[in-house]
Amino acid sequence: MDATNKSSEGAPFILLGLTTSPERRRPLFGLFLVLYVAGILGNGLIVAAIRASPALRAPMYFLLAHLSFADLCFTSVTVPKMLANLLAHDRSISVAGCLTQMYFFFALGVTDSCLLAAMAYDRYVAIRHPLHYATRMSRAVCKALAGTAWLVSHVHSLLHILLMARLSFCASHHVPHFFCDHQPLLRLSCSDTRHIQLLIFTEGAAVVVTPFLLILASYGAIAAAVLRLPSASGRLRAVSTCGSHLAVVSLFYGTVIAVYFQPTSRYEAERGRVATVMYTVVTPMLNPVIYSLRNRDVQGALRALFTGRRISAGDS
């Protein structure tokens, strides 16, 4: 390796961001600032309400608090840097900073994936096996599900980062993205990346595709049970709720699968950026609305949080 390649390996990356057009940067900054603040406030309020309210002690809310906290952190890994780069002239990020950002992005993204599967299982047990719900979704089981989600995600992320850290980047360091992500970095590497791509299609599929299939199976079983409800209004309400849940889940997993589960040679930067915005900004903002803010118990807990009124486990 010559001196030029050696010096370029330690050079910082330049994040090109969502656009290279100066005229579009300020409008995009305003748009994503609003979306980011909405997501942070929504998820933060859900976590605070669940922790403060004795009425929200069901397994569903325990898992929802973990999901909201993971979403809050997930967006904060990428969006603040993206917002800063939309206004800054220096859009560089060090190699260490790039790998750190990538580590937490993958860890929190996989945590989201596993928690969504755990929440779908919770709803499946509640509807299909209501008499056994208390034992199958005990506090110990919920803690085990949440703990497994956080543990698996960090092991997954660490494995990928250790492999990414061994790559050489001896050509351009201009990343056509708003954060350090797998596909654009693999396109820039002059190392053999086949082992990383193989890992994505195997181990990566286990923590993304498998939870998605479990969620679809759970909602399929829930739909079958809902169709047997005697009340037409009950069926309509359940279908509306499950439909909105499934729409957001499909948006999250669909865009993730579209970005990562393709050969690096077929990756298109512009389409990749648009798809990434869906699961890094849009779905974390929608999750509080879909899973929580339409729920009467959560609404009551939020009102109590703002008014300072104590709410008992019997209130709803």
Protein backbone atom coordinates (compact mmCIF):
# COMPACT_ATOMS: atom_id res chain seq x y z
CA MET A 1 0.00 0.00 0.00
CA ASP A 2 1.48 3.38 -0.99
CA ALA A 3 1.81 6.50 1.17
CA THR A 4 -1.28 8.12 -0.33
CA ASN A 5 -3.47 5.14 0.57
CA LYS A 6 -2.03 4.98 4.08
CA SER A 7 -2.75 8.63 4.74
CA SER A 8 -6.26 8.41 3.31
CA GLU A 9 -7.22 5.50 5.57
CA GLY A 10 -7.11 7.71 8.67
CA ALA A 11 -8.82 10.66 6.99
CA PRO A 12 -12.29 11.64 8.20
CA PHE A 13 -15.39 10.84 6.20
CA ILE A 14 -17.42 13.61 4.60
CA LEU A 15 -21.18 13.10 4.94
CA LEU A 16 -22.80 14.54 1.82
CA GLY A 17 -26.20 14.53 3.52
CA LEU A 18 -29.70 14.50 2.08
CA THR A 19 -28.93 17.02 -0.65
CA THR A 20 -26.02 18.89 -2.20
CA SER A 21 -28.27 21.81 -3.19
CA PRO A 22 -27.77 24.85 -0.88
CA GLU A 23 -31.31 26.06 -1.64
CA ARG A 24 -32.88 22.91 -0.20
CA ARG A 25 -30.89 22.73 3.01
CA ARG A 26 -32.84 25.23 5.12
CA PRO A 27 -36.30 23.87 4.18
CA LEU A 28 -35.07 20.34 4.92
CA PHE A 29 -33.59 21.55 8.22
CA GLY A 30 -36.97 23.00 9.25
CA LEU A 31 -38.87 19.88 8.20
CA PHE A 32 -36.63 17.39 9.97
CA LEU A 33 -36.29 19.57 13.06
CA VAL A 34 -40.09 19.47 13.44
CA LEU A 35 -40.18 15.70 12.87
CA TYR A 36 -37.31 15.12 15.31
CA VAL A 37 -38.82 17.27 18.07
CA ALA A 38 -42.21 15.59 17.56
CA GLY A 39 -40.62 12.14 17.86
CA ILE A 40 -38.58 13.08 20.94
CA LEU A 41 -41.56 14.67 22.70
CA GLY A 42 -43.92 11.83 21.79
CA ASN A 43 -41.63 9.03 22.89
CA GLY A 44 -40.38 10.93 25.93
CA LEU A 45 -43.92 11.59 27.13
CA ILE A 46 -44.85 7.94 26.70
CA VAL A 47 -41.88 6.81 28.80
CA ALA A 48 -42.64 9.40 31.49
CA ALA A 49 -46.36 8.58 31.60
CA ILE A 50 -45.79 4.82 31.89
CA ARG A 51 -43.19 5.25 34.64
CA ALA A 52 -45.40 7.69 36.58
CA SER A 53 -48.75 5.91 36.32
CA PRO A 54 -49.63 2.85 38.45
CA ALA A 55 -52.49 2.22 36.00
CA LEU A 56 -49.99 1.40 33.23
CA ARG A 57 -48.41 -1.71 34.70
CA ALA A 58 -49.62 -4.23 32.10
CA PRO A 59 -46.97 -6.12 30.07
CA MET A 60 -47.93 -4.17 26.94
CA TYR A 61 -46.97 -0.88 28.58
CA PHE A 62 -43.73 -2.28 29.99
CA LEU A 63 -42.64 -3.27 26.47
CA LEU A 64 -43.99 -0.02 25.04
CA ALA A 65 -41.83 2.01 27.44
CA HIS A 66 -38.77 0.13 26.21
CA LEU A 67 -39.78 0.69 22.58
CA SER A 68 -40.31 4.42 23.13
CA PHE A 69 -36.96 4.77 24.89
CA ALA A 70 -35.22 2.84 22.10
CA ASP A 71 -36.94 5.03 19.47
CA LEU A 72 -35.92 8.19 21.31
CA CYS A 73 -32.28 7.08 21.33
CA PHE A 74 -32.46 5.66 17.78
CA THR A 75 -33.39 8.99 16.19
CA SER A 76 -30.88 10.86 18.35
CA VAL A 77 -28.00 8.80 16.93
CA THR A 78 -28.41 10.22 13.41
CA VAL A 79 -30.80 13.17 13.21
CA PRO A 80 -28.88 15.80 15.29
CA LYS A 81 -25.77 15.26 13.15
CA MET A 82 -27.89 15.44 10.01
CA LEU A 83 -29.48 18.72 11.16
CA ALA A 84 -26.09 20.20 12.02
CA ASN A 85 -24.67 19.21 8.64
CA LEU A 86 -27.58 20.87 6.81
CA LEU A 87 -26.37 24.22 8.18
CA ALA A 88 -22.62 23.62 8.52
CA HIS A 89 -19.85 23.92 5.95
CA ASP A 90 -17.75 21.24 7.64
CA ARG A 91 -19.65 17.96 7.33
CA SER A 92 -16.78 15.67 8.33
CA ILE A 93 -16.90 12.85 10.86
CA SER A 94 -13.89 10.96 12.16
CA VAL A 95 -13.45 7.25 11.52
CA ALA A 96 -13.93 6.54 15.24
CA GLY A 97 -17.03 8.76 15.32
CA CYS A 98 -18.37 7.02 12.22
CA LEU A 99 -17.96 3.56 13.74
CA THR A 100 -19.48 4.71 17.05
CA GLN A 101 -22.50 6.16 15.28
CA MET A 102 -22.88 2.97 13.26
CA TYR A 103 -22.63 0.81 16.40
CA PHE A 104 -25.46 2.56 18.24
CA PHE A 105 -27.56 2.87 15.07
CA PHE A 106 -27.45 -0.89 14.46
CA ALA A 107 -27.90 -1.77 18.14
CA LEU A 108 -30.95 0.45 18.63
CA GLY A 109 -32.46 -0.50 15.27
CA VAL A 110 -32.29 -4.20 16.10
CA THR A 111 -33.66 -3.47 19.59
CA ASP A 112 -36.66 -1.85 17.90
CA SER A 113 -37.09 -4.91 15.69
CA CYS A 114 -37.03 -7.36 18.61
CA LEU A 115 -39.32 -5.23 20.80
CA LEU A 116 -41.89 -4.92 18.02
CA ALA A 117 -41.92 -8.72 17.78
CA ALA A 118 -42.30 -9.02 21.57
CA MET A 119 -45.23 -6.59 21.54
CA ALA A 120 -46.93 -8.53 18.74
CA TYR A 121 -46.51 -11.72 20.79
CA ASP A 122 -48.02 -9.95 23.81
CA ARG A 123 -51.12 -8.99 21.80
CA TYR A 124 -51.33 -12.54 20.37
CA VAL A 125 -51.35 -14.11 23.85
CA ALA A 126 -53.85 -11.54 25.15
CA ILE A 127 -56.35 -12.27 22.37
CA ARG A 128 -55.77 -15.95 21.65
CA HIS A 129 -55.01 -17.21 25.18
CA PRO A 130 -56.60 -14.71 27.61
CA LEU A 131 -56.94 -17.28 30.43
CA HIS A 132 -53.18 -17.95 30.39
CA TYR A 133 -52.11 -14.36 29.76
CA ALA A 134 -51.03 -13.65 33.35
CA THR A 135 -48.62 -16.61 33.39
CA ARG A 136 -47.37 -16.41 29.81
CA MET A 137 -46.72 -12.67 30.06
CA SER A 138 -45.62 -12.42 33.67
CA ARG A 139 -43.28 -9.66 34.82
CA ALA A 140 -40.36 -12.08 34.64
CA VAL A 141 -41.21 -13.03 31.05
CA CYS A 142 -41.50 -9.37 30.04
CA LYS A 143 -38.13 -8.57 31.58
CA ALA A 144 -36.62 -11.56 29.80
CA LEU A 145 -38.06 -10.45 26.45
CA ALA A 146 -36.84 -6.86 26.88
CA GLY A 147 -33.44 -7.96 28.19
CA THR A 148 -32.98 -10.38 25.29
CA ALA A 149 -33.86 -7.62 22.79
CA TRP A 150 -31.21 -5.28 24.22
CA LEU A 151 -28.57 -8.03 24.56
CA VAL A 152 -29.03 -9.54 21.09
CA SER A 153 -28.97 -6.11 19.46
CA HIS A 154 -25.66 -5.11 21.04
CA VAL A 155 -24.02 -8.44 20.23
CA HIS A 156 -25.24 -8.08 16.64
CA SER A 157 -23.92 -4.54 16.39
CA LEU A 158 -20.57 -5.34 17.95
CA LEU A 159 -20.03 -8.19 15.50
CA HIS A 160 -20.68 -5.92 12.52
CA ILE A 161 -18.56 -3.05 13.82
CA LEU A 162 -15.57 -5.31 14.47
CA LEU A 163 -15.72 -6.39 10.82
CA MET A 164 -16.29 -2.85 9.52
CA ALA A 165 -13.31 -1.56 11.52
CA ARG A 166 -11.00 -3.86 9.56
CA LEU A 167 -11.94 -2.37 6.18
CA SER A 168 -9.62 -0.06 4.27
CA PHE A 169 -10.92 3.10 2.63
CA CYS A 170 -8.25 4.15 0.18
CA ALA A 171 -10.39 5.91 -2.42
CA SER A 172 -12.97 8.64 -1.84
CA HIS A 173 -14.12 9.38 1.72
CA HIS A 174 -17.25 11.22 0.57
CA VAL A 175 -20.25 9.27 1.92
CA PRO A 176 -23.44 9.86 -0.11
CA HIS A 177 -25.63 9.70 3.00
CA PHE A 178 -26.59 11.73 6.07
CA PHE A 179 -24.95 9.27 8.50
CA CYS A 180 -22.47 6.40 8.50
CA ASP A 181 -24.35 3.40 7.15
CA HIS A 182 -23.38 -0.03 5.90
CA GLN A 183 -24.12 0.12 2.21
CA PRO A 184 -22.51 3.46 1.23
CA LEU A 185 -19.40 2.67 3.28
CA LEU A 186 -19.06 -0.76 1.72
CA ARG A 187 -19.22 0.90 -1.70
CA LEU A 188 -16.26 3.11 -0.71
CA SER A 189 -14.10 0.33 0.68
CA CYS A 190 -11.21 -1.11 -1.30
CA SER A 191 -11.21 -4.25 0.88
CA ASP A 192 -12.99 -7.52 0.20
CA THR A 193 -16.48 -6.99 1.66
CA ARG A 194 -18.01 -10.32 0.75
CA HIS A 195 -17.79 -11.66 4.31
CA ILE A 196 -19.71 -8.64 5.65
CA GLN A 197 -22.37 -8.94 2.97
CA LEU A 198 -22.71 -12.65 3.78
CA LEU A 199 -23.16 -11.75 7.45
CA ILE A 200 -25.93 -9.29 6.55
CA PHE A 201 -27.84 -11.92 4.59
CA THR A 202 -27.50 -14.57 7.33
CA GLU A 203 -27.16 -13.20 10.86
CA GLY A 204 -28.77 -9.91 9.84
CA ALA A 205 -31.79 -11.77 8.48
CA ALA A 206 -32.19 -13.53 11.83
CA VAL A 207 -32.67 -10.24 13.72
CA VAL A 208 -34.74 -8.44 11.07
CA VAL A 209 -36.62 -10.82 8.78
CA THR A 210 -37.42 -13.39 11.50
CA PRO A 211 -39.11 -10.85 13.85
CA PHE A 212 -41.04 -9.46 10.87
CA LEU A 213 -42.34 -12.91 9.97
CA LEU A 214 -43.28 -13.55 13.62
CA ILE A 215 -45.19 -10.25 13.69
CA LEU A 216 -47.07 -11.13 10.50
CA ALA A 217 -47.94 -14.57 11.92
CA SER A 218 -49.13 -13.00 15.20
CA TYR A 219 -51.32 -10.48 13.44
CA GLY A 220 -52.69 -13.20 11.18
CA ALA A 221 -53.77 -15.19 14.24
CA ILE A 222 -55.17 -12.03 15.85
CA ALA A 223 -57.16 -11.24 12.70
CA ALA A 224 -58.70 -14.70 12.73
CA ALA A 225 -59.79 -14.19 16.34
CA VAL A 226 -61.12 -10.68 15.64
CA LEU A 227 -63.33 -11.92 12.81
CA ARG A 228 -65.11 -14.17 15.29
CA LEU A 229 -66.10 -11.29 17.58
CA PRO A 230 -69.91 -11.02 17.90
CA SER A 231 -69.97 -7.21 17.81
CA ALA A 232 -69.56 -5.48 14.45
CA SER A 233 -68.30 -2.30 16.13
CA GLY A 234 -65.79 -4.36 18.11
CA ARG A 235 -64.53 -6.00 14.91
CA LEU A 236 -64.24 -2.62 13.19
CA ARG A 237 -62.33 -1.08 16.11
CA ALA A 238 -59.96 -4.05 16.35
CA VAL A 239 -59.34 -4.09 12.59
CA SER A 240 -58.61 -0.34 12.65
CA THR A 241 -56.14 -0.70 15.50
CA CYS A 242 -54.38 -3.76 14.07
CA GLY A 243 -54.34 -2.23 10.60
CA SER A 244 -52.57 0.92 11.78
CA HIS A 245 -50.06 -1.14 13.78
CA LEU A 246 -49.36 -3.35 10.80
CA ALA A 247 -48.99 -0.38 8.44
CA VAL A 248 -46.24 1.20 10.57
CA VAL A 249 -44.53 -2.16 11.14
CA SER A 250 -44.57 -2.86 7.40
CA LEU A 251 -43.12 0.59 6.67
CA PHE A 252 -40.30 -0.01 9.16
CA TYR A 253 -39.38 -3.52 8.06
CA GLY A 254 -40.08 -2.96 4.38
CA THR A 255 -37.66 -0.05 4.09
CA VAL A 256 -35.02 -1.78 6.24
CA ILE A 257 -35.16 -4.92 4.09
CA ALA A 258 -35.10 -2.86 0.88
CA VAL A 259 -31.93 -1.02 1.96
CA TYR A 260 -29.84 -3.77 3.53
CA PHE A 261 -30.87 -7.02 1.91
CA GLN A 262 -29.47 -6.36 -1.55
CA PRO A 263 -25.98 -6.71 -3.03
CA THR A 264 -23.81 -3.64 -2.46
CA SER A 265 -23.29 -3.35 -6.22
CA ARG A 266 -27.04 -2.70 -6.65
CA TYR A 267 -27.30 -0.06 -3.91
CA GLU A 268 -28.51 3.35 -5.16
CA ALA A 269 -27.60 6.24 -2.87
CA GLU A 270 -30.63 8.46 -3.55
CA ARG A 271 -33.21 5.71 -3.08
CA GLY A 272 -31.30 4.47 -0.05
CA ARG A 273 -31.46 7.90 1.61
CA VAL A 274 -35.22 8.18 1.07
CA ALA A 275 -35.86 4.69 2.44
CA THR A 276 -33.60 5.34 5.42
CA VAL A 277 -35.55 8.46 6.37
CA MET A 278 -38.64 6.26 6.67
CA TYR A 279 -37.24 4.02 9.40
CA THR A 280 -34.92 6.50 11.12
CA VAL A 281 -37.28 9.48 11.38
CA VAL A 282 -40.85 8.70 10.30
CA THR A 283 -41.65 5.41 12.07
CA PRO A 284 -40.11 6.46 15.44
CA MET A 285 -42.34 9.57 15.26
CA LEU A 286 -45.44 7.52 14.37
CA ASN A 287 -44.98 4.80 17.01
CA PRO A 288 -46.21 6.97 19.94
CA VAL A 289 -49.32 7.92 17.96
CA ILE A 290 -50.10 4.41 16.75
CA TYR A 291 -49.32 2.45 19.91
CA SER A 292 -50.12 4.94 22.65
CA LEU A 293 -51.85 8.23 22.04
CA ARG A 294 -55.04 6.54 20.78
CA ASN A 295 -55.19 4.54 24.02
CA ARG A 296 -57.54 5.84 26.73
CA ASP A 297 -55.33 4.62 29.58
CA VAL A 298 -52.29 6.38 28.12
CA GLN A 299 -54.32 9.54 27.49
CA GLY A 300 -55.43 9.53 31.12
CA ALA A 301 -51.86 9.02 32.31
CA LEU A 302 -50.66 11.92 30.14
CA ARG A 303 -53.37 14.21 31.50
CA ALA A 304 -52.37 13.23 35.04
CA LEU A 305 -48.72 13.86 34.16
CA PHE A 306 -49.47 17.41 32.98
CA THR A 307 -51.92 18.30 35.76
CA GLY A 308 -49.97 16.67 38.58
CA ARG A 309 -52.97 14.55 39.55
CA ARG A 310 -52.21 11.13 41.00
CA ILE A 311 -53.79 8.27 39.09
CA SER A 312 -54.48 4.93 40.72
CA ALA A 313 -54.38 1.48 39.17
CA GLY A 314 -58.18 1.43 39.21
CA ASP A 315 -58.54 4.59 37.14
CA SER A 316 -58.94 4.30 33.36
